[in-house]
Structures are given as C-alpha cells and as structure tokens.
Amino acid sequence: MNTKQKENVFNRSGLAALSDLKNLGYQNIFSLLEKEQDVFLIRESEFRSKEYKWPRDPLHTWSRVWEYPYVYYHMRKNLVHANSASLPKVVDLGSGVTFFPFIIASLGYEVICLDIDAVCSLDIERALSVLPQQQGKVNFRLIADYKLPLKSNEVDLVYSVSVMEHIHDFENTIEEVFRILKIGGLFILTIDLDLCGYLDIDLKRYYKLRECLFKYFDLIELETTVHPLDILHSQNGPFPLHKFSSLKKMIFHMKQQIKPLFGKRPFVALPNLAVWGGIFIKRRN
C-alpha cells in the first residue's frame, strides 16, 4: 500500500470515524506527533506559566487524537502547492500554548498564533528560546476587540482546532477569517459537536455555523457519510469520558446539583461529543 492510499482516510470533510484510528496512515502521523509533543513537554517547566489554564497534554484528549493528525495531514499536503520562494503564512486561531504550531512551522510555514489569553504571549516567547529551532517560524499576536490582528488578504491558510464552537459570536470570527485570507486561501476547521444537546454546539448552532461558513467559503474536500456505529465520540474513543476517575465523576455530579442555584441547566449525564472536520477555500466575492 503506497503512502497516498494509507493516508486518504483524511481526504474528506465530515465526522471523524472510530475506524480512522486503525488506519496505518493515521497511526504514522499520530506517532510522529507524539514524539514532537514529548520534546515539547520535556522542556515545559522552562516556559509554562502557572496561570496557563488549558490542558498540558492536548494530543491525548479525546477529540484531538483525530483533529491534530487531520490538520497536520492537510497542512503537509498543502505545502506541496505552496510558493517555495517564501514561507507560507499561516494562522493558528485560538492556539493556546501547545506543540502543534511548532511542528507545523517545521514543515516550512510561518505560523502566527492568535489567542485572547495574554498568558500565551509570554509562554510562547519563552518556548521559542528553549525549544529546538525549526526551518519555519512561530510568533504570537493577541486578539483584541474581536478583530484578528492581521491585514486583509495577508495569510495563506488558517487552521482552528476545537475553538470555533466555544466562540459566542462565531459569525464575526468567520468574517475575520475571510478578511485576512488571500483569495484561494484555505480554512481548516475542526469542532466538537454536542450529541446530548446542552453544550456549546448543539443542533441549532451547528446549522447556524454551517450557514455562516458557506456564506464565505466552499468545501474543497466533500463531506462523506460515516456509519452511526462508526462515529468517533467521547464515549468510545481512546480516552473516553466514561473512564473518568471516581473523584472526577463525583465532582462532575456535584457541579450539576448546584447549577440550578445559579440559573443554569444541569447535565443529565456525562457529555457525549462527536468531532467534525472540514477544509474550506475562500470564495471569490
């Protein structure tokens, strides 16, 4: 089986499949990403702020075991068509501080990390001084006033991993992504989808998000159907939520009991999430 045949499991948009994780092409990419994250985590104490609140090991959270390989595959694939005269300029939208922009830079990209958390600026700057130097470039810019700090038509590609579903005003963010992308620029998007109906992207917001995306972009990898029994979700993945420790489960249920006191709807069970990925191209308006 050649490389293209091994990895064409990612040549699509749509829901992630549990069977994707058994694909040899996926496994090769995931193994590569694990090694790169190990290098990152070994040096973590030299740059990580105590105030940083996001997961330290994102690659092994349930959805990112699929999302990072999916985005990495398409970033590597896109580089074949890039202009070799200069580093293609890429945005990691809602980057946090992870190994991922560094491995994307190592492919030969200039990666601009964007986030609303000022702690990320300090940590990324320190990480750049201690991590092995790559052939690309990584830097950070802070998002302020809901505007992405880039010029119109400035970047070649934007990717966003499990971020858009947490943005209340995603319409504005999508407009901003459209604005900063060059004509023909790509937008690689992955999101978690709530299968229970009480988290950030429920059915209604999912269709609203799609409507907004298709106002500005076209899919270049068509959506494919995944059998319902093969859908990767947070109850059947390699790090399923139902395997929470007894302590975490107890804390979860305690939080649900006090939510009504603050006017919030409690969860009736542990969240169950699916993950969706898509590769879009900026539409000519």
C-alpha atoms as a PDB file:
ATOM      1  CA  MET A   1       0.000   0.000   0.000  1.00  0.00           C
ATOM      2  CA  ASN A   2       1.519   3.337  -1.006  1.00  0.00           C
ATOM      3  CA  THR A   3       1.554   6.482   1.156  1.00  0.00           C
ATOM      4  CA  LYS A   4      -1.375   8.090  -0.651  1.00  0.00           C
ATOM      5  CA  GLN A   5      -3.532   5.009  -0.095  1.00  0.00           C
ATOM      6  CA  LYS A   6      -2.530   4.878   3.566  1.00  0.00           C
ATOM      7  CA  GLU A   7      -3.470   8.462   4.290  1.00  0.00           C
ATOM      8  CA  ASN A   8      -6.505   9.085   2.112  1.00  0.00           C
ATOM      9  CA  VAL A   9      -8.679   8.461   5.178  1.00  0.00           C
ATOM     10  CA  PHE A  10      -8.214  12.227   5.739  1.00  0.00           C
ATOM     11  CA  ASN A  11      -9.091  13.274   2.194  1.00  0.00           C
ATOM     12  CA  ARG A  12     -12.595  14.219   3.203  1.00  0.00           C
ATOM     13  CA  SER A  13     -14.679  16.553   5.309  1.00  0.00           C
ATOM     14  CA  GLY A  14     -17.230  15.391   7.838  1.00  0.00           C
ATOM     15  CA  LEU A  15     -17.451  13.419  11.043  1.00  0.00           C
ATOM     16  CA  ALA A  16     -14.468  11.568  12.436  1.00  0.00           C
ATOM     17  CA  ALA A  17     -14.759   7.790  12.424  1.00  0.00           C
ATOM     18  CA  LEU A  18     -13.566   5.370  15.077  1.00  0.00           C
ATOM     19  CA  SER A  19     -12.159   3.238  12.261  1.00  0.00           C
ATOM     20  CA  ASP A  20      -9.909   6.171  11.221  1.00  0.00           C
ATOM     21  CA  LEU A  21      -7.779   5.434  14.275  1.00  0.00           C
ATOM     22  CA  LYS A  22      -6.986   1.964  12.887  1.00  0.00           C
ATOM     23  CA  ASN A  23      -5.717   3.368   9.580  1.00  0.00           C
ATOM     24  CA  LEU A  24      -1.964   2.987   9.084  1.00  0.00           C
ATOM     25  CA  GLY A  25      -1.611   6.492   7.660  1.00  0.00           C
ATOM     26  CA  TYR A  26      -3.326   7.937  10.730  1.00  0.00           C
ATOM     27  CA  GLN A  27      -1.154   5.867  13.061  1.00  0.00           C
ATOM     28  CA  ASN A  28       2.052   7.038  11.366  1.00  0.00           C
ATOM     29  CA  ILE A  29       1.065  10.692  11.764  1.00  0.00           C
ATOM     30  CA  PHE A  30      -0.085  10.223  15.354  1.00  0.00           C
ATOM     31  CA  SER A  31       3.203   8.540  16.270  1.00  0.00           C
ATOM     32  CA  LEU A  32       5.108  11.469  14.754  1.00  0.00           C
ATOM     33  CA  LEU A  33       3.011  13.986  16.688  1.00  0.00           C
ATOM     34  CA  GLU A  34       3.513  12.064  19.935  1.00  0.00           C
ATOM     35  CA  LYS A  35       7.278  12.279  19.555  1.00  0.00           C
ATOM     36  CA  GLU A  36       7.120  16.012  18.860  1.00  0.00           C
ATOM     37  CA  GLN A  37       4.841  16.651  21.821  1.00  0.00           C
ATOM     38  CA  ASP A  38       7.200  14.634  24.066  1.00  0.00           C
ATOM     39  CA  VAL A  39      10.025  17.034  23.157  1.00  0.00           C
ATOM     40  CA  PHE A  40       7.717  19.949  23.951  1.00  0.00           C
ATOM     41  CA  LEU A  41       6.612  18.547  27.311  1.00  0.00           C
ATOM     42  CA  ILE A  42      10.141  17.684  28.443  1.00  0.00           C
ATOM     43  CA  ARG A  43      11.015  21.403  28.288  1.00  0.00           C
ATOM     44  CA  GLU A  44       7.609  22.592  29.550  1.00  0.00           C
ATOM     45  CA  SER A  45       8.810  23.652  33.012  1.00  0.00           C
ATOM     46  CA  GLU A  46      11.139  26.165  31.358  1.00  0.00           C
ATOM     47  CA  PHE A  47       8.361  28.188  29.728  1.00  0.00           C
ATOM     48  CA  ARG A  48       4.958  27.234  31.186  1.00  0.00           C
ATOM     49  CA  SER A  49       3.214  29.828  33.388  1.00  0.00           C
ATOM     50  CA  LYS A  50       1.287  28.693  36.442  1.00  0.00           C
ATOM     51  CA  GLU A  51      -1.611  30.814  35.193  1.00  0.00           C
ATOM     52  CA  TYR A  52      -1.979  28.784  31.996  1.00  0.00           C
ATOM     53  CA  LYS A  53      -5.356  27.043  32.328  1.00  0.00           C
ATOM     54  CA  TRP A  54      -5.586  24.756  29.293  1.00  0.00           C
ATOM     55  CA  PRO A  55      -4.660  21.037  29.043  1.00  0.00           C
ATOM     56  CA  ARG A  56      -0.914  20.339  29.183  1.00  0.00           C
ATOM     57  CA  ASP A  57      -1.259  17.203  27.034  1.00  0.00           C
ATOM     58  CA  PRO A  58      -3.830  18.158  24.376  1.00  0.00           C
ATOM     59  CA  LEU A  59      -2.794  15.425  21.928  1.00  0.00           C
ATOM     60  CA  HIS A  60      -4.219  12.793  24.270  1.00  0.00           C
ATOM     61  CA  THR A  61      -7.545  14.445  24.890  1.00  0.00           C
ATOM     62  CA  TRP A  62     -10.350  12.547  23.234  1.00  0.00           C
ATOM     63  CA  SER A  63     -11.036  14.676  20.139  1.00  0.00           C
ATOM     64  CA  ARG A  64      -7.524  15.910  19.409  1.00  0.00           C
ATOM     65  CA  VAL A  65      -6.248  12.406  18.822  1.00  0.00           C
ATOM     66  CA  TRP A  66      -8.072  12.803  15.499  1.00  0.00           C
ATOM     67  CA  GLU A  67      -8.050  16.580  14.988  1.00  0.00           C
ATOM     68  CA  TYR A  68      -4.300  17.175  15.158  1.00  0.00           C
ATOM     69  CA  PRO A  69      -3.469  14.364  12.671  1.00  0.00           C
ATOM     70  CA  TYR A  70      -6.284  15.581  10.394  1.00  0.00           C
ATOM     71  CA  VAL A  71      -4.990  19.162  10.334  1.00  0.00           C
ATOM     72  CA  TYR A  72      -1.332  18.083  10.111  1.00  0.00           C
ATOM     73  CA  TYR A  73      -2.064  15.860   7.116  1.00  0.00           C
ATOM     74  CA  HIS A  74      -3.717  18.703   5.200  1.00  0.00           C
ATOM     75  CA  MET A  75      -1.033  21.213   6.189  1.00  0.00           C
ATOM     76  CA  ARG A  76       1.637  18.874   4.841  1.00  0.00           C
ATOM     77  CA  LYS A  77      -0.409  18.156   1.732  1.00  0.00           C
ATOM     78  CA  ASN A  78      -0.971  21.880   1.068  1.00  0.00           C
ATOM     79  CA  LEU A  79       2.733  22.650   1.292  1.00  0.00           C
ATOM     80  CA  VAL A  80       3.327  20.800  -1.979  1.00  0.00           C
ATOM     81  CA  HIS A  81       1.312  23.512  -3.757  1.00  0.00           C
ATOM     82  CA  ALA A  82       2.787  26.456  -1.841  1.00  0.00           C
ATOM     83  CA  ASN A  83       5.104  29.113  -3.274  1.00  0.00           C
ATOM     84  CA  SER A  84       8.619  27.967  -2.359  1.00  0.00           C
ATOM     85  CA  ALA A  85      10.043  31.484  -2.730  1.00  0.00           C
ATOM     86  CA  SER A  86       8.865  32.418   0.777  1.00  0.00           C
ATOM     87  CA  LEU A  87       7.405  30.814   3.862  1.00  0.00           C
ATOM     88  CA  PRO A  88       3.623  30.472   3.514  1.00  0.00           C
ATOM     89  CA  LYS A  89       1.956  32.498   6.261  1.00  0.00           C
ATOM     90  CA  VAL A  90      -0.425  30.525   8.476  1.00  0.00           C
ATOM     91  CA  VAL A  91      -2.665  31.413  11.423  1.00  0.00           C
ATOM     92  CA  ASP A  92      -3.301  29.079  14.358  1.00  0.00           C
ATOM     93  CA  LEU A  93      -6.614  30.533  15.539  1.00  0.00           C
ATOM     94  CA  GLY A  94      -7.102  30.079  19.284  1.00  0.00           C
ATOM     95  CA  SER A  95      -3.693  28.479  19.589  1.00  0.00           C
ATOM     96  CA  GLY A  96      -3.178  28.237  23.323  1.00  0.00           C
ATOM     97  CA  VAL A  97       0.377  27.052  24.022  1.00  0.00           C
ATOM     98  CA  THR A  98       0.924  23.599  22.533  1.00  0.00           C
ATOM     99  CA  PHE A  99       3.482  21.715  20.499  1.00  0.00           C
ATOM    100  CA  PHE A 100       1.335  21.962  17.374  1.00  0.00           C
ATOM    101  CA  PRO A 101       2.339  25.326  15.834  1.00  0.00           C
ATOM    102  CA  PHE A 102       5.972  24.308  16.275  1.00  0.00           C
ATOM    103  CA  ILE A 103       5.586  21.093  14.293  1.00  0.00           C
ATOM    104  CA  ILE A 104       3.594  22.977  11.633  1.00  0.00           C
ATOM    105  CA  ALA A 105       6.441  25.505  11.419  1.00  0.00           C
ATOM    106  CA  SER A 106       8.896  22.636  10.970  1.00  0.00           C
ATOM    107  CA  LEU A 107       7.097  21.760   7.735  1.00  0.00           C
ATOM    108  CA  GLY A 108       8.194  25.139   6.361  1.00  0.00           C
ATOM    109  CA  TYR A 109       5.471  27.586   7.436  1.00  0.00           C
ATOM    110  CA  GLU A 110       5.461  30.912   9.233  1.00  0.00           C
ATOM    111  CA  VAL A 111       2.884  30.281  11.965  1.00  0.00           C
ATOM    112  CA  ILE A 112       1.155  33.198  13.676  1.00  0.00           C
ATOM    113  CA  CYS A 113      -0.509  32.053  16.893  1.00  0.00           C
ATOM    114  CA  LEU A 114      -3.608  34.058  17.811  1.00  0.00           C
ATOM    115  CA  ASP A 115      -5.383  33.907  21.163  1.00  0.00           C
ATOM    116  CA  ILE A 116      -7.320  36.089  23.587  1.00  0.00           C
ATOM    117  CA  ASP A 117      -5.233  34.878  26.553  1.00  0.00           C
ATOM    118  CA  ALA A 118      -2.257  37.171  27.228  1.00  0.00           C
ATOM    119  CA  VAL A 119      -0.506  34.375  29.156  1.00  0.00           C
ATOM    120  CA  CYS A 120       0.019  32.636  25.811  1.00  0.00           C
ATOM    121  CA  SER A 121       2.190  35.502  24.575  1.00  0.00           C
ATOM    122  CA  LEU A 122       4.675  35.118  27.416  1.00  0.00           C
ATOM    123  CA  ASP A 123       4.765  31.321  27.284  1.00  0.00           C
ATOM    124  CA  ILE A 124       5.235  31.105  23.521  1.00  0.00           C
ATOM    125  CA  GLU A 125       8.004  33.689  23.618  1.00  0.00           C
ATOM    126  CA  ARG A 126       9.829  31.670  26.284  1.00  0.00           C
ATOM    127  CA  ALA A 127       9.175  28.401  24.449  1.00  0.00           C
ATOM    128  CA  LEU A 128      10.831  29.816  21.342  1.00  0.00           C
ATOM    129  CA  SER A 129      14.023  30.383  23.333  1.00  0.00           C
ATOM    130  CA  VAL A 130      14.266  26.813  24.670  1.00  0.00           C
ATOM    131  CA  LEU A 131      12.780  24.532  22.001  1.00  0.00           C
ATOM    132  CA  PRO A 132      14.877  23.171  19.108  1.00  0.00           C
ATOM    133  CA  GLN A 133      14.904  25.598  16.201  1.00  0.00           C
ATOM    134  CA  GLN A 134      12.887  24.623  13.146  1.00  0.00           C
ATOM    135  CA  GLN A 135      13.081  25.636   9.500  1.00  0.00           C
ATOM    136  CA  GLY A 136       9.893  27.698   9.819  1.00  0.00           C
ATOM    137  CA  LYS A 137       8.877  30.471  12.169  1.00  0.00           C
ATOM    138  CA  VAL A 138       6.449  30.853  15.098  1.00  0.00           C
ATOM    139  CA  ASN A 139       5.219  34.062  16.704  1.00  0.00           C
ATOM    140  CA  PHE A 140       2.233  35.240  18.739  1.00  0.00           C
ATOM    141  CA  ARG A 141      -0.306  38.069  18.453  1.00  0.00           C
ATOM    142  CA  LEU A 142      -3.045  38.884  20.932  1.00  0.00           C
ATOM    143  CA  ILE A 143      -6.648  39.136  19.735  1.00  0.00           C
ATOM    144  CA  ALA A 144      -8.316  42.312  20.984  1.00  0.00           C
ATOM    145  CA  ASP A 145     -11.717  43.886  20.339  1.00  0.00           C
ATOM    146  CA  TYR A 146     -12.821  40.794  18.402  1.00  0.00           C
ATOM    147  CA  LYS A 147     -10.559  41.687  15.480  1.00  0.00           C
ATOM    148  CA  LEU A 148      -7.803  39.427  14.202  1.00  0.00           C
ATOM    149  CA  PRO A 149      -4.551  41.464  14.261  1.00  0.00           C
ATOM    150  CA  LEU A 150      -3.669  40.961  10.605  1.00  0.00           C
ATOM    151  CA  LYS A 151      -4.128  42.884   7.382  1.00  0.00           C
ATOM    152  CA  SER A 152      -6.734  41.951   4.809  1.00  0.00           C
ATOM    153  CA  ASN A 153      -5.612  39.261   2.357  1.00  0.00           C
ATOM    154  CA  GLU A 154      -2.425  38.710   4.362  1.00  0.00           C
ATOM    155  CA  VAL A 155      -2.331  34.969   5.100  1.00  0.00           C
ATOM    156  CA  ASP A 156      -2.332  31.813   3.016  1.00  0.00           C
ATOM    157  CA  LEU A 157      -4.086  29.495   5.432  1.00  0.00           C
ATOM    158  CA  VAL A 158      -5.952  29.500   8.753  1.00  0.00           C
ATOM    159  CA  TYR A 159      -6.499  26.447  10.913  1.00  0.00           C
ATOM    160  CA  SER A 160      -8.592  26.201  14.061  1.00  0.00           C
ATOM    161  CA  VAL A 161      -8.730  23.141  16.329  1.00  0.00           C
ATOM    162  CA  SER A 162     -11.716  22.822  18.695  1.00  0.00           C
ATOM    163  CA  VAL A 163     -12.107  26.579  19.113  1.00  0.00           C
ATOM    164  CA  MET A 164     -14.977  27.849  16.952  1.00  0.00           C
ATOM    165  CA  GLU A 165     -17.642  26.003  18.937  1.00  0.00           C
ATOM    166  CA  HIS A 166     -16.625  27.964  22.053  1.00  0.00           C
ATOM    167  CA  ILE A 167     -16.886  31.409  20.427  1.00  0.00           C
ATOM    168  CA  HIS A 168     -20.227  33.038  21.173  1.00  0.00           C
ATOM    169  CA  ASP A 169     -20.068  35.404  18.175  1.00  0.00           C
ATOM    170  CA  PHE A 170     -18.601  32.997  15.640  1.00  0.00           C
ATOM    171  CA  GLU A 171     -20.174  34.977  12.792  1.00  0.00           C
ATOM    172  CA  ASN A 172     -17.749  37.839  13.404  1.00  0.00           C
ATOM    173  CA  THR A 173     -14.795  35.450  13.681  1.00  0.00           C
ATOM    174  CA  ILE A 174     -15.652  33.745  10.407  1.00  0.00           C
ATOM    175  CA  GLU A 175     -15.919  37.142   8.696  1.00  0.00           C
ATOM    176  CA  GLU A 176     -12.485  38.000  10.084  1.00  0.00           C
ATOM    177  CA  VAL A 177     -11.006  34.727   8.820  1.00  0.00           C
ATOM    178  CA  PHE A 178     -12.428  35.522   5.391  1.00  0.00           C
ATOM    179  CA  ARG A 179     -10.944  39.034   5.545  1.00  0.00           C
ATOM    180  CA  ILE A 180      -7.365  38.016   6.412  1.00  0.00           C
ATOM    181  CA  LEU A 181      -7.165  35.116   3.928  1.00  0.00           C
ATOM    182  CA  LYS A 182      -5.832  35.638   0.446  1.00  0.00           C
ATOM    183  CA  ILE A 183      -8.089  34.775  -2.476  1.00  0.00           C
ATOM    184  CA  GLY A 184      -7.994  30.991  -2.717  1.00  0.00           C
ATOM    185  CA  GLY A 185      -6.693  30.724   0.855  1.00  0.00           C
ATOM    186  CA  LEU A 186      -7.662  27.681   2.922  1.00  0.00           C
ATOM    187  CA  PHE A 187      -9.506  27.408   6.214  1.00  0.00           C
ATOM    188  CA  ILE A 188      -9.071  24.065   8.006  1.00  0.00           C
ATOM    189  CA  LEU A 189     -11.632  23.770  10.776  1.00  0.00           C
ATOM    190  CA  THR A 190     -12.376  21.121  13.381  1.00  0.00           C
ATOM    191  CA  ILE A 191     -15.092  21.368  16.021  1.00  0.00           C
ATOM    192  CA  ASP A 192     -16.669  19.260  18.739  1.00  0.00           C
ATOM    193  CA  LEU A 193     -20.375  18.576  18.305  1.00  0.00           C
ATOM    194  CA  ASP A 194     -22.671  18.020  21.275  1.00  0.00           C
ATOM    195  CA  LEU A 195     -24.707  14.822  20.887  1.00  0.00           C
ATOM    196  CA  CYS A 196     -26.755  15.477  24.042  1.00  0.00           C
ATOM    197  CA  GLY A 197     -27.982  18.985  23.276  1.00  0.00           C
ATOM    198  CA  TYR A 198     -26.686  21.016  26.180  1.00  0.00           C
ATOM    199  CA  LEU A 199     -23.153  22.111  25.293  1.00  0.00           C
ATOM    200  CA  ASP A 200     -21.716  24.822  23.049  1.00  0.00           C
ATOM    201  CA  ILE A 201     -22.565  23.424  19.604  1.00  0.00           C
ATOM    202  CA  ASP A 202     -25.960  21.793  19.725  1.00  0.00           C
ATOM    203  CA  LEU A 203     -28.036  21.040  16.637  1.00  0.00           C
ATOM    204  CA  LYS A 204     -29.349  24.598  16.172  1.00  0.00           C
ATOM    205  CA  ARG A 205     -25.915  26.276  16.490  1.00  0.00           C
ATOM    206  CA  TYR A 206     -24.327  23.632  14.262  1.00  0.00           C
ATOM    207  CA  TYR A 207     -26.606  24.548  11.359  1.00  0.00           C
ATOM    208  CA  LYS A 208     -26.134  28.240  12.070  1.00  0.00           C
ATOM    209  CA  LEU A 209     -22.358  27.765  11.964  1.00  0.00           C
ATOM    210  CA  ARG A 210     -22.611  25.898   8.649  1.00  0.00           C
ATOM    211  CA  GLU A 211     -24.806  28.616   7.170  1.00  0.00           C
ATOM    212  CA  CYS A 212     -22.249  31.254   8.103  1.00  0.00           C
ATOM    213  CA  LEU A 213     -19.301  29.223   6.785  1.00  0.00           C
ATOM    214  CA  PHE A 214     -20.917  28.583   3.412  1.00  0.00           C
ATOM    215  CA  LYS A 215     -21.639  32.269   3.047  1.00  0.00           C
ATOM    216  CA  TYR A 216     -17.897  32.884   2.633  1.00  0.00           C
ATOM    217  CA  PHE A 217     -16.283  29.530   1.827  1.00  0.00           C
ATOM    218  CA  ASP A 218     -16.645  26.382  -0.268  1.00  0.00           C
ATOM    219  CA  LEU A 219     -15.630  22.900   0.824  1.00  0.00           C
ATOM    220  CA  ILE A 220     -12.762  21.505  -1.244  1.00  0.00           C
ATOM    221  CA  GLU A 221     -12.945  18.083   0.406  1.00  0.00           C
ATOM    222  CA  LEU A 222     -16.512  16.847   0.154  1.00  0.00           C
ATOM    223  CA  GLU A 223     -18.314  15.511   3.193  1.00  0.00           C
ATOM    224  CA  THR A 224     -18.555  11.751   3.447  1.00  0.00           C
ATOM    225  CA  THR A 225     -21.035   9.672   5.370  1.00  0.00           C
ATOM    226  CA  VAL A 226     -19.880   7.839   8.485  1.00  0.00           C
ATOM    227  CA  HIS A 227     -21.968   4.919   9.716  1.00  0.00           C
ATOM    228  CA  PRO A 228     -23.637   5.826  13.043  1.00  0.00           C
ATOM    229  CA  LEU A 229     -21.905   2.907  14.793  1.00  0.00           C
ATOM    230  CA  ASP A 230     -18.529   4.100  13.489  1.00  0.00           C
ATOM    231  CA  ILE A 231     -18.765   7.745  14.599  1.00  0.00           C
ATOM    232  CA  LEU A 232     -15.883   8.674  16.890  1.00  0.00           C
ATOM    233  CA  HIS A 233     -17.291  10.225  20.044  1.00  0.00           C
ATOM    234  CA  SER A 234     -16.197  10.896  23.583  1.00  0.00           C
ATOM    235  CA  GLN A 235     -17.678   7.675  24.941  1.00  0.00           C
ATOM    236  CA  ASN A 236     -15.872   5.301  22.588  1.00  0.00           C
ATOM    237  CA  GLY A 237     -12.538   6.957  21.757  1.00  0.00           C
ATOM    238  CA  PRO A 238      -9.111   6.019  23.135  1.00  0.00           C
ATOM    239  CA  PHE A 239      -9.608   8.441  26.059  1.00  0.00           C
ATOM    240  CA  PRO A 240     -13.388   8.214  26.641  1.00  0.00           C
ATOM    241  CA  LEU A 241     -15.131  10.425  29.159  1.00  0.00           C
ATOM    242  CA  HIS A 242     -16.862   7.479  30.814  1.00  0.00           C
ATOM    243  CA  LYS A 243     -13.445   6.399  32.144  1.00  0.00           C
ATOM    244  CA  PHE A 244     -13.212   9.458  34.381  1.00  0.00           C
ATOM    245  CA  SER A 245     -11.792   8.649  37.790  1.00  0.00           C
ATOM    246  CA  SER A 246     -14.255   8.221  40.637  1.00  0.00           C
ATOM    247  CA  LEU A 247     -13.167  11.596  42.025  1.00  0.00           C
ATOM    248  CA  LYS A 248     -13.775  13.387  38.693  1.00  0.00           C
ATOM    249  CA  LYS A 249     -17.186  11.759  38.361  1.00  0.00           C
ATOM    250  CA  MET A 250     -18.101  12.836  41.892  1.00  0.00           C
ATOM    251  CA  ILE A 251     -17.008  16.424  41.174  1.00  0.00           C
ATOM    252  CA  PHE A 252     -18.982  16.395  37.916  1.00  0.00           C
ATOM    253  CA  HIS A 253     -22.196  15.283  39.626  1.00  0.00           C
ATOM    254  CA  MET A 254     -21.726  17.774  42.490  1.00  0.00           C
ATOM    255  CA  LYS A 255     -21.428  20.608  39.969  1.00  0.00           C
ATOM    256  CA  GLN A 256     -24.663  19.519  38.281  1.00  0.00           C
ATOM    257  CA  GLN A 257     -26.521  19.605  41.602  1.00  0.00           C
ATOM    258  CA  ILE A 258     -25.599  23.235  42.296  1.00  0.00           C
ATOM    259  CA  LYS A 259     -26.106  24.571  38.750  1.00  0.00           C
ATOM    260  CA  PRO A 260     -29.862  25.260  39.244  1.00  0.00           C
ATOM    261  CA  LEU A 261     -28.933  27.586  42.129  1.00  0.00           C
ATOM    262  CA  PHE A 262     -27.233  29.823  39.543  1.00  0.00           C
ATOM    263  CA  GLY A 263     -29.977  29.532  36.949  1.00  0.00           C
ATOM    264  CA  LYS A 264     -28.060  27.006  34.832  1.00  0.00           C
ATOM    265  CA  ARG A 265     -29.338  23.768  33.354  1.00  0.00           C
ATOM    266  CA  PRO A 266     -27.585  20.703  34.797  1.00  0.00           C
ATOM    267  CA  PHE A 267     -26.249  17.904  32.605  1.00  0.00           C
ATOM    268  CA  VAL A 268     -28.212  14.684  32.967  1.00  0.00           C
ATOM    269  CA  ALA A 269     -25.156  12.578  32.083  1.00  0.00           C
ATOM    270  CA  LEU A 270     -21.508  12.922  31.162  1.00  0.00           C
ATOM    271  CA  PRO A 271     -21.146  14.967  27.942  1.00  0.00           C
ATOM    272  CA  ASN A 272     -21.034  12.964  24.726  1.00  0.00           C
ATOM    273  CA  LEU A 273     -19.298  14.712  21.843  1.00  0.00           C
ATOM    274  CA  ALA A 274     -18.559  13.926  18.209  1.00  0.00           C
ATOM    275  CA  VAL A 275     -15.908  15.723  16.147  1.00  0.00           C
ATOM    276  CA  TRP A 276     -16.244  17.259  12.673  1.00  0.00           C
ATOM    277  CA  GLY A 277     -13.525  18.482  10.325  1.00  0.00           C
ATOM    278  CA  GLY A 278     -13.616  20.420   7.062  1.00  0.00           C
ATOM    279  CA  ILE A 279     -11.267  22.027   4.525  1.00  0.00           C
ATOM    280  CA  PHE A 280     -12.648  25.241   3.040  1.00  0.00           C
ATOM    281  CA  ILE A 281     -11.447  27.604   0.338  1.00  0.00           C
ATOM    282  CA  LYS A 282     -12.105  31.340   0.372  1.00  0.00           C
ATOM    283  CA  ARG A 283     -14.841  32.207  -2.088  1.00  0.00           C
ATOM    284  CA  ARG A 284     -14.334  34.952  -4.659  1.00  0.00           C
ATOM    285  CA  ASN A 285     -16.983  37.593  -3.894  1.00  0.00           C
END
